Amino acid sequence: MAIAILNHFVKKPHFVDHLVEEINDLLYGIKKNTETNDVKASNLIHSYNALKIAHILTAILGIALCVSLLVSTQKKEPITIKDPIKIEDITPNSTLNNK
């Protein structure tokens, strides 16, 4: 069927030129799309590897933080009050009676 259609249009030279140009454009487009897709695939592979490394480094950082919090000891210093104030006789009734 396709051959019959092409044979019909072969008699018209301007249409054959149009078909040849269209086929050349399609072949050129296939070549360019293949190159573009190769570049996109390379970028995708690089970003995937970078994301894996980022996840691993984040996990290592989290583990290091947890370990450092568990292992570290804080030195407890006693609290001393300079010049303490002595408070005497604090009852609810004593404050009311003084007024």
C-alpha atoms as a PDB file:
ATOM      1  CA  MET A   1       0.000   0.000   0.000  1.00  0.00           C
ATOM      2  CA  ALA A   2       2.748   2.454   0.973  1.00  0.00           C
ATOM      3  CA  ILE A   3       4.689   1.638  -2.180  1.00  0.00           C
ATOM      4  CA  ALA A   4       1.629   2.363  -4.285  1.00  0.00           C
ATOM      5  CA  ILE A   5       1.223   5.740  -2.608  1.00  0.00           C
ATOM      6  CA  LEU A   6       4.898   6.573  -3.134  1.00  0.00           C
ATOM      7  CA  ASN A   7       4.713   5.488  -6.777  1.00  0.00           C
ATOM      8  CA  HIS A   8       1.761   7.818  -7.243  1.00  0.00           C
ATOM      9  CA  PHE A   9       3.705  10.768  -5.785  1.00  0.00           C
ATOM     10  CA  VAL A  10       6.948   9.960  -7.594  1.00  0.00           C
ATOM     11  CA  LYS A  11       5.297  11.403 -10.687  1.00  0.00           C
ATOM     12  CA  LYS A  12       5.249  14.780  -8.909  1.00  0.00           C
ATOM     13  CA  PRO A  13       8.886  15.911  -8.433  1.00  0.00           C
ATOM     14  CA  HIS A  14       8.138  18.739  -6.010  1.00  0.00           C
ATOM     15  CA  PHE A  15       6.470  16.265  -3.605  1.00  0.00           C
ATOM     16  CA  VAL A  16       9.467  13.910  -3.776  1.00  0.00           C
ATOM     17  CA  ASP A  17      11.744  16.799  -2.848  1.00  0.00           C
ATOM     18  CA  HIS A  18       9.458  17.554   0.058  1.00  0.00           C
ATOM     19  CA  LEU A  19       9.591  13.915   1.252  1.00  0.00           C
ATOM     20  CA  VAL A  20      13.380  13.829   0.987  1.00  0.00           C
ATOM     21  CA  GLU A  21      13.662  17.027   3.010  1.00  0.00           C
ATOM     22  CA  GLU A  22      11.263  15.704   5.650  1.00  0.00           C
ATOM     23  CA  ILE A  23      13.177  12.415   5.961  1.00  0.00           C
ATOM     24  CA  ASN A  24      16.462  14.318   6.312  1.00  0.00           C
ATOM     25  CA  ASP A  25      14.911  16.489   9.033  1.00  0.00           C
ATOM     26  CA  LEU A  26      13.672  13.412  10.897  1.00  0.00           C
ATOM     27  CA  LEU A  27      17.087  11.753  10.729  1.00  0.00           C
ATOM     28  CA  TYR A  28      18.751  14.953  11.949  1.00  0.00           C
ATOM     29  CA  GLY A  29      16.182  15.206  14.770  1.00  0.00           C
ATOM     30  CA  ILE A  30      16.842  11.617  15.845  1.00  0.00           C
ATOM     31  CA  LYS A  31      20.574  12.328  16.018  1.00  0.00           C
ATOM     32  CA  LYS A  32      20.104  15.528  18.043  1.00  0.00           C
ATOM     33  CA  ASN A  33      17.545  13.923  20.389  1.00  0.00           C
ATOM     34  CA  THR A  34      19.945  11.059  21.055  1.00  0.00           C
ATOM     35  CA  GLU A  35      22.729  13.511  21.955  1.00  0.00           C
ATOM     36  CA  THR A  36      20.397  15.535  24.195  1.00  0.00           C
ATOM     37  CA  ASN A  37      19.088  12.422  25.944  1.00  0.00           C
ATOM     38  CA  ASP A  38      22.660  11.224  26.545  1.00  0.00           C
ATOM     39  CA  VAL A  39      23.516  14.524  28.245  1.00  0.00           C
ATOM     40  CA  LYS A  40      20.336  14.391  30.349  1.00  0.00           C
ATOM     41  CA  ALA A  41      21.053  10.809  31.394  1.00  0.00           C
ATOM     42  CA  SER A  42      24.605  11.726  32.405  1.00  0.00           C
ATOM     43  CA  ASN A  43      23.315  14.613  34.527  1.00  0.00           C
ATOM     44  CA  LEU A  44      20.738  12.343  36.131  1.00  0.00           C
ATOM     45  CA  ILE A  45      23.391   9.758  37.025  1.00  0.00           C
ATOM     46  CA  HIS A  46      25.638  12.445  38.541  1.00  0.00           C
ATOM     47  CA  SER A  47      22.799  13.922  40.602  1.00  0.00           C
ATOM     48  CA  TYR A  48      21.784  10.456  41.836  1.00  0.00           C
ATOM     49  CA  ASN A  49      25.348   9.755  42.992  1.00  0.00           C
ATOM     50  CA  ALA A  50      25.592  13.150  44.682  1.00  0.00           C
ATOM     51  CA  LEU A  51      22.303  12.516  46.506  1.00  0.00           C
ATOM     52  CA  LYS A  52      23.561   9.129  47.741  1.00  0.00           C
ATOM     53  CA  ILE A  53      26.722  10.764  49.080  1.00  0.00           C
ATOM     54  CA  ALA A  54      24.660  13.513  50.751  1.00  0.00           C
ATOM     55  CA  HIS A  55      22.471  10.921  52.500  1.00  0.00           C
ATOM     56  CA  ILE A  56      25.509   9.003  53.728  1.00  0.00           C
ATOM     57  CA  LEU A  57      27.225  12.143  55.037  1.00  0.00           C
ATOM     58  CA  THR A  58      24.034  13.285  56.777  1.00  0.00           C
ATOM     59  CA  ALA A  59      23.722   9.890  58.475  1.00  0.00           C
ATOM     60  CA  ILE A  60      27.365  10.030  59.595  1.00  0.00           C
ATOM     61  CA  LEU A  61      26.858  13.551  60.963  1.00  0.00           C
ATOM     62  CA  GLY A  62      23.745  12.485  62.881  1.00  0.00           C
ATOM     63  CA  ILE A  63      25.480   9.446  64.343  1.00  0.00           C
ATOM     64  CA  ALA A  64      28.504  11.547  65.329  1.00  0.00           C
ATOM     65  CA  LEU A  65      26.234  14.056  67.067  1.00  0.00           C
ATOM     66  CA  CYS A  66      24.402  11.326  69.003  1.00  0.00           C
ATOM     67  CA  VAL A  67      27.649   9.663  70.054  1.00  0.00           C
ATOM     68  CA  SER A  68      29.177  12.965  71.143  1.00  0.00           C
ATOM     69  CA  LEU A  69      26.118  13.736  73.287  1.00  0.00           C
ATOM     70  CA  LEU A  70      26.177  10.288  74.888  1.00  0.00           C
ATOM     71  CA  VAL A  71      29.912  10.205  75.551  1.00  0.00           C
ATOM     72  CA  SER A  72      30.438  13.752  76.751  1.00  0.00           C
ATOM     73  CA  THR A  73      30.204  14.371  80.494  1.00  0.00           C
ATOM     74  CA  GLN A  74      29.405  17.698  82.012  1.00  0.00           C
ATOM     75  CA  LYS A  75      31.284  18.842  85.089  1.00  0.00           C
ATOM     76  CA  LYS A  76      28.748  19.737  87.761  1.00  0.00           C
ATOM     77  CA  GLU A  77      29.785  22.675  89.861  1.00  0.00           C
ATOM     78  CA  PRO A  78      28.118  23.303  93.228  1.00  0.00           C
ATOM     79  CA  ILE A  79      26.021  26.433  93.509  1.00  0.00           C
ATOM     80  CA  THR A  80      27.108  28.778  96.272  1.00  0.00           C
ATOM     81  CA  ILE A  81      25.157  31.799  97.440  1.00  0.00           C
ATOM     82  CA  LYS A  82      27.164  34.760  98.701  1.00  0.00           C
ATOM     83  CA  ASP A  83      25.691  36.557 101.704  1.00  0.00           C
ATOM     84  CA  PRO A  84      22.542  34.459 102.175  1.00  0.00           C
ATOM     85  CA  ILE A  85      19.488  36.154 103.637  1.00  0.00           C
ATOM     86  CA  LYS A  86      17.810  34.466 106.570  1.00  0.00           C
ATOM     87  CA  ILE A  87      14.021  34.510 106.379  1.00  0.00           C
ATOM     88  CA  GLU A  88      12.135  33.972 109.622  1.00  0.00           C
ATOM     89  CA  ASP A  89       8.525  33.479 110.593  1.00  0.00           C
ATOM     90  CA  ILE A  90       6.755  33.158 107.283  1.00  0.00           C
ATOM     91  CA  THR A  91       3.181  32.129 107.856  1.00  0.00           C
ATOM     92  CA  PRO A  92       0.061  33.442 106.209  1.00  0.00           C
ATOM     93  CA  ASN A  93      -1.257  34.847 109.483  1.00  0.00           C
ATOM     94  CA  SER A  94       1.941  36.709 110.350  1.00  0.00           C
ATOM     95  CA  THR A  95       1.821  38.844 107.218  1.00  0.00           C
ATOM     96  CA  LEU A  96      -1.835  39.730 107.792  1.00  0.00           C
ATOM     97  CA  ASN A  97      -1.269  40.684 111.418  1.00  0.00           C
ATOM     98  CA  ASN A  98       1.600  43.035 110.618  1.00  0.00           C
ATOM     99  CA  LYS A  99      -0.545  45.262 108.439  1.00  0.00           C
END
